[in-house]
N, C-alpha and C. Protein backbone atom coordinates (compact mmCIF):
# COMPACT_ATOMS: atom_id res chain seq x y z
N MET A 1 0.79 -1.11 0.03
CA MET A 1 -0.05 -0.03 -0.18
C MET A 1 0.97 1.27 -0.16
N PHE A 2 0.89 2.32 -0.63
CA PHE A 2 1.16 3.37 -0.72
C PHE A 2 0.13 4.77 -0.26
N MET A 3 0.97 5.29 0.47
CA MET A 3 0.33 6.44 0.95
C MET A 3 1.09 7.56 0.86
N THR A 4 0.70 9.12 0.31
CA THR A 4 1.58 10.15 -0.10
C THR A 4 1.43 10.59 1.68
N ILE A 5 2.59 11.41 1.86
CA ILE A 5 3.04 12.32 3.01
C ILE A 5 2.94 13.85 2.63
N LEU A 6 2.16 14.69 3.10
CA LEU A 6 2.49 16.02 2.96
C LEU A 6 3.52 16.67 3.88
N ILE A 7 4.37 17.22 3.05
CA ILE A 7 5.53 18.04 3.73
C ILE A 7 5.25 19.20 3.64
N SER A 8 5.00 20.35 4.74
CA SER A 8 5.08 21.95 4.36
C SER A 8 6.34 22.36 5.31
N VAL A 9 6.49 23.69 4.91
CA VAL A 9 7.36 24.51 5.52
C VAL A 9 6.87 25.85 5.94
N THR A 10 6.89 25.96 7.29
CA THR A 10 5.99 27.04 8.02
C THR A 10 7.20 28.32 8.38
N LYS A 11 6.91 29.49 7.88
CA LYS A 11 7.93 30.54 8.37
C LYS A 11 7.96 30.73 9.56
N SER A 12 9.06 31.04 10.33
CA SER A 12 9.02 31.17 12.09
C SER A 12 7.97 32.10 12.48
N THR A 13 8.09 33.28 11.76
CA THR A 13 7.17 34.06 12.20
C THR A 13 5.82 33.67 12.35
N GLN A 14 5.26 32.87 11.36
CA GLN A 14 3.64 32.31 11.20
C GLN A 14 3.59 31.21 12.44
N LEU A 15 4.96 30.65 12.54
CA LEU A 15 4.91 29.69 13.80
C LEU A 15 4.62 30.50 14.80
N SER A 16 5.47 31.32 15.42
CA SER A 16 5.37 32.22 16.60
C SER A 16 4.17 32.80 16.52
N ASN A 17 3.10 33.32 15.56
CA ASN A 17 2.04 33.68 15.78
C ASN A 17 1.16 32.63 15.98
N LEU A 18 0.98 31.39 15.63
CA LEU A 18 0.22 30.56 15.86
C LEU A 18 0.37 29.87 17.42
N THR A 19 1.74 29.99 18.15
CA THR A 19 1.90 29.63 19.39
C THR A 19 1.67 30.76 20.38
N LEU A 20 1.62 32.07 19.86
CA LEU A 20 1.38 32.99 20.65
C LEU A 20 -0.12 33.14 21.40
N PHE A 21 -0.88 32.76 20.52
CA PHE A 21 -2.42 32.84 20.97
C PHE A 21 -2.54 31.78 21.78
N SER A 22 -2.27 30.68 21.20
CA SER A 22 -2.68 29.28 21.87
C SER A 22 -1.89 28.98 23.16
N GLY A 23 -0.49 29.42 23.16
CA GLY A 23 0.33 28.60 23.83
C GLY A 23 1.12 27.32 23.46
N THR A 24 0.17 26.95 22.34
CA THR A 24 1.19 25.59 21.98
C THR A 24 1.01 25.62 20.33
N PHE A 25 1.87 24.75 19.73
CA PHE A 25 1.90 24.33 18.46
C PHE A 25 1.33 22.96 18.26
N SER A 26 -0.11 22.76 17.86
CA SER A 26 -0.10 21.88 17.87
C SER A 26 -0.25 21.40 16.38
N HIS A 27 0.35 19.90 16.01
CA HIS A 27 0.67 19.41 14.89
C HIS A 27 0.38 17.89 14.85
N GLY A 28 -0.12 17.19 13.94
CA GLY A 28 -0.59 15.92 13.64
C GLY A 28 0.14 15.43 12.27
N PHE A 29 0.25 14.07 12.36
CA PHE A 29 0.93 13.53 10.92
C PHE A 29 -0.21 13.33 10.10
N THR A 30 -0.20 13.41 9.08
CA THR A 30 -1.14 13.38 8.04
C THR A 30 -1.96 11.94 8.20
N TYR A 31 -1.48 11.03 8.29
CA TYR A 31 -2.10 9.67 8.55
C TYR A 31 -2.37 9.29 10.01
N THR A 32 -2.07 9.96 11.04
CA THR A 32 -2.33 9.74 12.64
C THR A 32 -3.59 9.36 12.34
N GLY A 33 -4.04 8.23 12.73
CA GLY A 33 -5.52 7.79 13.18
C GLY A 33 -6.22 7.42 11.77
N HIS A 34 -5.55 7.72 10.49
CA HIS A 34 -6.52 7.30 9.54
C HIS A 34 -6.90 5.86 9.39
N PRO A 35 -8.06 5.89 8.91
CA PRO A 35 -8.97 4.65 8.85
C PRO A 35 -8.26 3.35 8.08
N VAL A 36 -7.86 3.89 7.48
CA VAL A 36 -7.06 2.75 6.32
C VAL A 36 -5.92 2.26 6.85
N ALA A 37 -4.69 3.49 7.44
CA ALA A 37 -3.56 2.82 8.39
C ALA A 37 -3.99 2.01 9.27
N CYS A 38 -5.06 2.38 10.41
CA CYS A 38 -5.25 1.42 11.41
C CYS A 38 -6.14 0.61 11.14
N ALA A 39 -6.82 0.17 9.94
CA ALA A 39 -7.19 -1.11 9.59
C ALA A 39 -5.80 -1.91 9.01
N ILE A 40 -5.31 -1.64 8.76
CA ILE A 40 -4.02 -2.32 8.41
C ILE A 40 -3.36 -2.76 9.32
N ALA A 41 -3.10 -1.70 10.39
CA ALA A 41 -2.17 -2.15 11.80
C ALA A 41 -3.17 -3.17 12.50
N SER A 42 -4.35 -2.86 12.68
CA SER A 42 -4.98 -3.68 13.27
C SER A 42 -5.15 -5.33 12.57
N GLU A 43 -4.92 -5.50 11.12
CA GLU A 43 -4.78 -6.80 10.63
C GLU A 43 -3.66 -7.25 10.86
N SER A 44 -2.86 -6.41 10.88
CA SER A 44 -1.35 -6.70 10.82
C SER A 44 -1.07 -8.06 12.67
N ILE A 45 -1.56 -7.10 13.42
CA ILE A 45 -1.80 -7.36 14.67
C ILE A 45 -2.11 -8.74 14.68
N LYS A 46 -3.54 -9.04 14.15
CA LYS A 46 -4.39 -10.50 14.25
C LYS A 46 -3.63 -11.23 13.55
N LEU A 47 -2.90 -10.88 12.68
CA LEU A 47 -2.12 -12.01 11.72
C LEU A 47 -1.20 -12.35 12.76
N TYR A 48 -0.21 -11.56 13.25
CA TYR A 48 0.47 -11.87 14.29
C TYR A 48 0.05 -13.00 15.74
N LYS A 49 -0.95 -12.52 15.66
CA LYS A 49 -1.50 -13.31 16.93
C LYS A 49 -2.07 -14.76 16.50
N GLU A 50 -2.82 -14.69 15.50
CA GLU A 50 -3.21 -15.92 14.70
C GLU A 50 -2.09 -16.99 14.11
N ARG A 51 -0.89 -16.28 13.69
CA ARG A 51 -0.04 -17.36 13.30
C ARG A 51 0.89 -17.38 14.58
N ASN A 52 0.88 -16.76 15.50
CA ASN A 52 1.66 -16.84 16.83
C ASN A 52 2.99 -16.67 16.31
N LEU A 53 3.28 -15.71 15.40
CA LEU A 53 4.49 -15.01 15.03
C LEU A 53 5.50 -14.87 16.09
N VAL A 54 5.12 -14.30 17.21
CA VAL A 54 6.06 -13.80 18.04
C VAL A 54 6.88 -14.93 18.88
N GLU A 55 6.06 -16.27 18.82
CA GLU A 55 6.56 -17.21 19.66
C GLU A 55 7.59 -17.94 18.67
N LYS A 56 6.94 -18.08 17.50
CA LYS A 56 7.79 -18.83 16.04
C LYS A 56 9.20 -17.80 16.33
N VAL A 57 9.08 -16.52 16.47
CA VAL A 57 10.61 -15.80 16.28
C VAL A 57 11.04 -16.38 17.73
N LYS A 58 10.81 -16.43 18.61
CA LYS A 58 11.45 -16.79 20.09
C LYS A 58 12.46 -18.23 19.60
N ARG A 59 11.48 -19.21 18.83
CA ARG A 59 12.12 -20.26 18.54
C ARG A 59 13.22 -20.39 17.61
N ILE A 60 12.81 -19.64 16.28
CA ILE A 60 13.77 -19.81 15.30
C ILE A 60 14.93 -19.10 15.26
N SER A 61 14.97 -17.53 16.45
CA SER A 61 15.91 -16.63 16.21
C SER A 61 17.48 -17.35 16.72
N PRO A 62 17.28 -18.34 17.60
CA PRO A 62 18.76 -19.06 17.94
C PRO A 62 19.37 -19.84 16.95
N ARG A 63 18.54 -20.25 16.16
CA ARG A 63 19.10 -20.97 14.85
C ARG A 63 19.59 -19.67 14.10
N PHE A 64 19.12 -19.01 13.84
CA PHE A 64 19.50 -17.62 12.84
C PHE A 64 21.08 -17.08 13.57
N GLN A 65 21.00 -16.89 14.93
CA GLN A 65 22.18 -16.26 15.27
C GLN A 65 23.32 -17.38 15.29
N ASP A 66 22.95 -18.73 15.63
CA ASP A 66 24.08 -19.83 15.32
C ASP A 66 24.61 -20.19 14.27
N GLY A 67 23.68 -19.78 13.21
CA GLY A 67 24.36 -20.09 11.61
C GLY A 67 25.07 -19.06 11.46
N LEU A 68 24.56 -17.95 11.61
CA LEU A 68 25.33 -16.62 10.87
C LEU A 68 26.74 -16.33 12.04
N LYS A 69 26.84 -16.78 13.27
CA LYS A 69 28.21 -16.85 13.69
C LYS A 69 29.23 -17.32 12.96
N ALA A 70 28.76 -18.08 12.00
CA ALA A 70 30.19 -18.41 11.26
C ALA A 70 31.05 -17.38 10.49
N PHE A 71 30.07 -16.14 10.53
CA PHE A 71 30.72 -15.26 9.73
C PHE A 71 31.79 -14.52 10.85
N SER A 72 31.65 -14.93 11.96
CA SER A 72 32.68 -14.14 12.91
C SER A 72 34.10 -14.86 12.33
N ASP A 73 34.13 -16.04 11.65
CA ASP A 73 35.35 -16.47 11.17
C ASP A 73 36.39 -15.97 10.10
N SER A 74 35.28 -15.14 9.48
CA SER A 74 35.90 -14.44 8.27
C SER A 74 36.62 -13.53 8.52
N PRO A 75 37.56 -13.49 7.58
CA PRO A 75 38.97 -12.42 8.11
C PRO A 75 38.37 -10.71 7.61
N ILE A 76 37.62 -10.88 6.93
CA ILE A 76 36.78 -9.30 6.88
C ILE A 76 35.54 -9.25 7.29
N VAL A 77 35.14 -9.65 8.18
CA VAL A 77 33.96 -9.37 9.16
C VAL A 77 34.53 -9.29 10.60
N GLY A 78 34.20 -7.78 11.06
CA GLY A 78 34.72 -8.05 12.68
C GLY A 78 34.04 -8.05 13.61
N GLU A 79 32.74 -8.02 13.31
CA GLU A 79 31.32 -8.25 14.35
C GLU A 79 30.40 -8.68 13.89
N VAL A 80 29.65 -9.03 14.63
CA VAL A 80 28.27 -9.95 14.26
C VAL A 80 27.40 -9.47 15.41
N LYS A 81 26.46 -8.60 15.24
CA LYS A 81 25.67 -8.14 16.39
C LYS A 81 24.38 -8.66 15.98
N PHE A 82 23.22 -8.68 16.99
CA PHE A 82 21.98 -9.01 16.88
C PHE A 82 21.06 -8.16 17.33
N CYS A 83 19.79 -7.70 17.09
CA CYS A 83 18.85 -7.18 17.72
C CYS A 83 18.23 -7.51 18.47
N ILE A 84 18.44 -6.83 19.98
CA ILE A 84 17.47 -7.40 20.91
C ILE A 84 16.38 -8.02 21.12
N SER A 85 15.92 -7.01 20.69
CA SER A 85 14.08 -7.37 20.52
C SER A 85 13.70 -8.28 20.06
N HIS A 86 14.05 -8.89 19.11
CA HIS A 86 13.49 -9.91 18.18
C HIS A 86 14.71 -10.97 17.87
N LYS A 87 15.49 -10.67 18.03
CA LYS A 87 16.95 -11.51 17.52
C LYS A 87 16.75 -12.05 15.99
N LEU A 88 15.82 -11.61 14.84
CA LEU A 88 15.93 -11.78 13.59
C LEU A 88 16.60 -10.97 12.88
N LEU A 89 17.40 -9.79 13.57
CA LEU A 89 18.10 -9.06 12.74
C LEU A 89 19.80 -9.11 13.13
N LEU A 90 20.02 -8.66 11.65
CA LEU A 90 21.54 -9.23 11.83
C LEU A 90 22.27 -7.90 11.38
N ARG A 91 23.42 -7.38 11.98
CA ARG A 91 24.34 -6.53 11.67
C ARG A 91 25.51 -7.04 11.76
N MET A 92 26.33 -6.98 10.58
CA MET A 92 27.81 -7.40 10.48
C MET A 92 28.69 -5.89 10.09
N LEU A 93 29.62 -5.60 10.60
CA LEU A 93 30.57 -4.85 10.34
C LEU A 93 31.83 -5.10 9.58
N ARG A 94 32.26 -4.88 8.81
CA ARG A 94 33.25 -5.35 7.47
C ARG A 94 34.64 -4.56 8.30
N THR A 95 35.45 -5.33 8.48
CA THR A 95 36.76 -4.95 8.86
C THR A 95 37.79 -5.28 8.23
N SER A 96 39.17 -4.75 8.55
CA SER A 96 40.30 -4.91 7.84
C SER A 96 41.30 -5.55 8.74
N SER A 97 41.10 -5.68 10.31
CA SER A 97 41.78 -5.98 11.21
C SER A 97 40.89 -6.70 12.39
N ARG A 98 40.77 -8.10 12.64
CA ARG A 98 40.13 -8.64 13.25
C ARG A 98 40.28 -8.24 15.19
N ASN A 99 41.73 -7.50 15.13
CA ASN A 99 41.99 -7.15 16.59
C ASN A 99 41.58 -5.83 16.77
N HIS A 100 41.74 -4.68 15.68
CA HIS A 100 41.54 -3.70 16.08
C HIS A 100 40.06 -3.13 15.41
N ARG A 101 39.51 -3.78 15.13
CA ARG A 101 38.23 -3.48 14.42
C ARG A 101 38.17 -2.29 13.74
N SER A 102 39.31 -1.93 12.81
CA SER A 102 39.38 -0.89 11.87
C SER A 102 38.29 -1.19 10.76
N VAL A 103 37.65 0.08 10.22
CA VAL A 103 37.21 -0.34 8.97
C VAL A 103 38.05 -0.52 7.90
N MET A 104 37.51 -1.74 7.02
CA MET A 104 38.13 -2.07 5.94
C MET A 104 38.51 -1.20 5.03
N GLN A 105 39.60 -1.43 4.48
CA GLN A 105 39.99 -0.23 3.57
C GLN A 105 39.85 -0.68 2.13
N ILE A 106 39.01 -1.76 1.84
CA ILE A 106 38.56 -1.88 0.44
C ILE A 106 37.46 -1.11 -0.08
N ARG A 107 37.43 -0.16 -0.83
CA ARG A 107 36.18 0.83 -1.18
C ARG A 107 35.06 0.07 -1.74
N GLY A 108 34.02 0.28 -1.14
CA GLY A 108 32.83 -0.49 -2.00
C GLY A 108 32.42 -2.00 -1.71
N LEU A 109 32.89 -2.29 -0.56
CA LEU A 109 32.79 -3.82 -0.07
C LEU A 109 31.58 -4.36 0.42
N GLY A 110 30.73 -3.16 1.09
CA GLY A 110 29.38 -3.43 1.55
C GLY A 110 28.50 -3.64 0.24
N ALA A 111 28.57 -2.94 -0.54
CA ALA A 111 27.94 -2.86 -2.12
C ALA A 111 28.40 -4.05 -2.61
N TYR A 112 29.85 -4.52 -2.90
CA TYR A 112 30.17 -5.74 -3.48
C TYR A 112 29.43 -7.12 -2.68
N PHE A 113 29.29 -7.06 -1.44
CA PHE A 113 28.65 -8.01 -0.69
C PHE A 113 27.08 -8.03 -1.09
N GLY A 114 26.59 -6.69 -0.78
CA GLY A 114 25.22 -6.61 -1.44
C GLY A 114 24.82 -7.02 -2.69
N ALA A 115 25.81 -6.96 -3.32
CA ALA A 115 25.16 -7.33 -5.32
C ALA A 115 25.36 -8.93 -5.16
N GLN A 116 26.63 -9.32 -4.33
CA GLN A 116 26.81 -11.10 -4.42
C GLN A 116 25.68 -11.72 -3.87
N CYS A 117 25.08 -10.86 -2.88
CA CYS A 117 23.94 -11.81 -2.12
C CYS A 117 22.75 -11.49 -3.08
N LYS A 118 22.40 -10.43 -3.52
CA LYS A 118 21.80 -10.76 -4.71
C LYS A 118 21.69 -11.45 -6.03
N LYS A 119 23.10 -11.58 -6.10
CA LYS A 119 23.07 -12.40 -6.96
C LYS A 119 22.89 -14.13 -6.94
N HIS A 120 22.77 -14.21 -5.58
CA HIS A 120 22.28 -15.77 -5.19
C HIS A 120 21.04 -15.65 -4.61
N GLY A 121 20.41 -14.55 -4.97
CA GLY A 121 18.67 -14.62 -4.63
C GLY A 121 18.41 -14.09 -3.01
N MET A 122 19.34 -13.44 -2.79
CA MET A 122 19.37 -12.66 -1.36
C MET A 122 19.21 -11.53 -1.08
N VAL A 123 18.26 -10.67 -0.37
CA VAL A 123 18.23 -9.35 -0.29
C VAL A 123 18.66 -8.77 0.68
N VAL A 124 19.40 -8.09 1.00
CA VAL A 124 20.10 -7.86 2.39
C VAL A 124 20.14 -5.96 2.25
N ARG A 125 20.56 -5.28 3.53
CA ARG A 125 20.45 -3.95 3.59
C ARG A 125 22.00 -3.37 3.74
N VAL A 126 22.18 -2.73 2.85
CA VAL A 126 23.76 -2.28 3.14
C VAL A 126 23.62 -0.96 3.48
N ALA A 127 24.59 -0.54 4.15
CA ALA A 127 24.67 1.08 4.82
C ALA A 127 26.21 0.99 5.03
N GLY A 128 26.96 1.49 3.67
CA GLY A 128 28.22 1.46 3.96
C GLY A 128 28.91 0.24 3.89
N ASP A 129 29.67 -0.11 4.88
CA ASP A 129 30.38 -1.49 5.19
C ASP A 129 29.80 -2.04 6.31
N THR A 130 28.24 -1.77 6.58
CA THR A 130 27.55 -2.44 7.39
C THR A 130 26.60 -3.30 6.74
N ILE A 131 26.08 -4.55 6.87
CA ILE A 131 25.30 -4.95 6.38
C ILE A 131 24.34 -5.55 6.98
N MET A 132 22.71 -5.38 7.06
CA MET A 132 22.11 -5.76 7.78
C MET A 132 20.88 -7.08 7.31
N MET A 133 20.72 -7.86 7.78
CA MET A 133 19.90 -9.10 7.48
C MET A 133 18.37 -8.73 8.30
N ALA A 134 17.70 -9.11 7.82
CA ALA A 134 16.12 -9.05 8.49
C ALA A 134 15.38 -10.45 8.00
N PRO A 135 15.51 -11.43 8.06
CA PRO A 135 14.36 -12.46 7.37
C PRO A 135 13.04 -12.14 7.88
N PRO A 136 12.06 -12.63 7.07
CA PRO A 136 10.74 -12.16 7.33
C PRO A 136 10.38 -13.36 8.68
N PHE A 137 9.55 -12.76 9.44
CA PHE A 137 9.15 -13.75 10.63
C PHE A 137 8.25 -15.19 10.45
N ILE A 138 7.89 -15.13 9.02
CA ILE A 138 7.36 -16.60 8.98
C ILE A 138 8.37 -17.66 8.05
N ILE A 139 10.08 -17.36 8.01
CA ILE A 139 10.64 -18.11 7.46
C ILE A 139 10.79 -19.50 8.11
N SER A 140 11.14 -20.56 7.44
CA SER A 140 11.37 -21.65 8.09
C SER A 140 12.79 -21.94 8.27
N PRO A 141 13.18 -23.02 8.89
CA PRO A 141 14.41 -23.48 9.15
C PRO A 141 15.18 -23.73 8.41
N GLN A 142 14.55 -24.63 7.22
CA GLN A 142 15.31 -24.90 5.83
C GLN A 142 15.77 -23.57 4.95
N GLU A 143 14.79 -22.66 4.96
CA GLU A 143 15.50 -21.27 4.41
C GLU A 143 16.47 -20.47 5.25
N LEU A 144 16.56 -20.68 6.42
CA LEU A 144 17.49 -20.23 7.17
C LEU A 144 18.74 -20.93 6.95
N ILE A 145 18.79 -22.18 6.71
CA ILE A 145 20.17 -22.83 6.21
C ILE A 145 20.72 -22.16 4.84
N SER A 146 19.51 -21.94 4.09
CA SER A 146 19.70 -21.33 2.60
C SER A 146 20.52 -19.63 2.86
N ILE A 147 19.84 -19.09 3.63
CA ILE A 147 20.42 -17.57 3.91
C ILE A 147 22.15 -17.86 4.13
N TYR A 148 22.04 -18.74 5.05
CA TYR A 148 23.60 -19.15 5.55
C TYR A 148 24.39 -19.35 4.88
N GLY A 149 24.20 -20.35 3.93
CA GLY A 149 24.86 -20.64 2.39
C GLY A 149 25.13 -19.56 1.61
N LYS A 150 24.35 -18.81 1.10
CA LYS A 150 24.26 -17.75 0.33
C LYS A 150 25.15 -16.82 0.75
N ALA A 151 24.78 -16.28 1.92
CA ALA A 151 25.36 -15.33 2.61
C ALA A 151 27.31 -15.89 2.69
N LEU A 152 27.29 -16.71 3.39
CA LEU A 152 28.89 -17.20 3.73
C LEU A 152 29.31 -17.28 1.97
N LYS A 153 28.58 -17.61 1.10
CA LYS A 153 29.29 -17.61 -0.13
C LYS A 153 29.85 -16.52 -0.79
N ALA A 154 28.86 -15.51 -0.26
CA ALA A 154 29.21 -14.13 -0.98
C ALA A 154 30.56 -13.45 -0.16
N THR A 155 30.51 -13.90 0.67
CA THR A 155 31.67 -13.42 1.85
C THR A 155 33.01 -14.03 1.44
N GLU A 156 32.83 -15.24 0.72
CA GLU A 156 33.93 -16.13 0.66
C GLU A 156 34.67 -15.95 -0.79
N GLU A 157 33.69 -15.24 -1.35
CA GLU A 157 34.08 -14.85 -3.12
C GLU A 157 34.86 -13.80 -2.79
N LYS A 158 34.57 -13.07 -2.09
CA LYS A 158 35.76 -11.48 -1.56
C LYS A 158 36.91 -11.77 -1.04
N VAL A 159 36.82 -12.61 -0.06
CA VAL A 159 37.87 -13.14 0.83
C VAL A 159 38.88 -13.65 -0.32
N ARG A 160 38.32 -14.47 -1.29
CA ARG A 160 39.48 -15.33 -2.28
C ARG A 160 39.88 -14.57 -3.23
N GLU A 161 39.17 -13.26 -3.66
CA GLU A 161 39.17 -12.58 -4.79
C GLU A 161 40.88 -11.92 -4.67
N PRO A 162 41.38 -11.73 -5.52
CA PRO A 162 43.07 -11.38 -5.67
C PRO A 162 43.12 -9.97 -4.96
N LYS A 163 44.19 -9.65 -3.87
CA LYS A 163 44.15 -8.14 -3.53
C LYS A 163 44.50 -7.34 -4.59
N SER A 164 44.84 -7.93 -5.48
CA SER A 164 45.28 -6.34 -6.87
C SER A 164 44.11 -6.20 -7.19
N LYS A 165 42.43 -6.62 -7.08
CA LYS A 165 41.50 -6.28 -7.65
C LYS A 165 40.97 -5.54 -6.67
N HIS A 166 41.48 -5.21 -5.47
CA HIS A 166 40.71 -4.36 -4.27
C HIS A 166 40.81 -3.13 -4.60
N LYS A 167 40.10 -2.22 -4.68
CA LYS A 167 40.07 -0.64 -5.12
C LYS A 167 40.28 -0.27 -3.60
N LYS A 168 41.65 0.69 -3.67
CA LYS A 168 41.77 1.43 -2.35
C LYS A 168 41.72 2.86 -2.59
């Protein structure tokens, strides 16, 4: 679903005049309490409960974490962190030195890793050289195993690449 968002700019004097008379500047978001957005949120919560997704995430997240801890052995991965709230969110920081946790000096490593994952049918979020994975809550254990394989394969391809190909 797509909803447009209205953004407006108010001059400082107009804002002052609004607050001068009432003492407050009341402002609401365009879709706060909108019936369509509320209906979608209500249905989402209903599905979470019907499919017992919170419990499923609690059961499957240890597998996700254990499988992806294999990245810790890679010479180009500095640290692997998991989101505390649901633990199906992964953040990996790419580094050049496992001891010093310094950022890797190969330009575009995050983008390379993201492209390799995409090549293997997997979508990840790349923010600089930080890679984030957040599989859907409905993921199966078999699909998790597939994720490990694809992501590890992409990492190993970069590790094996000759240093002469690395852009600095």
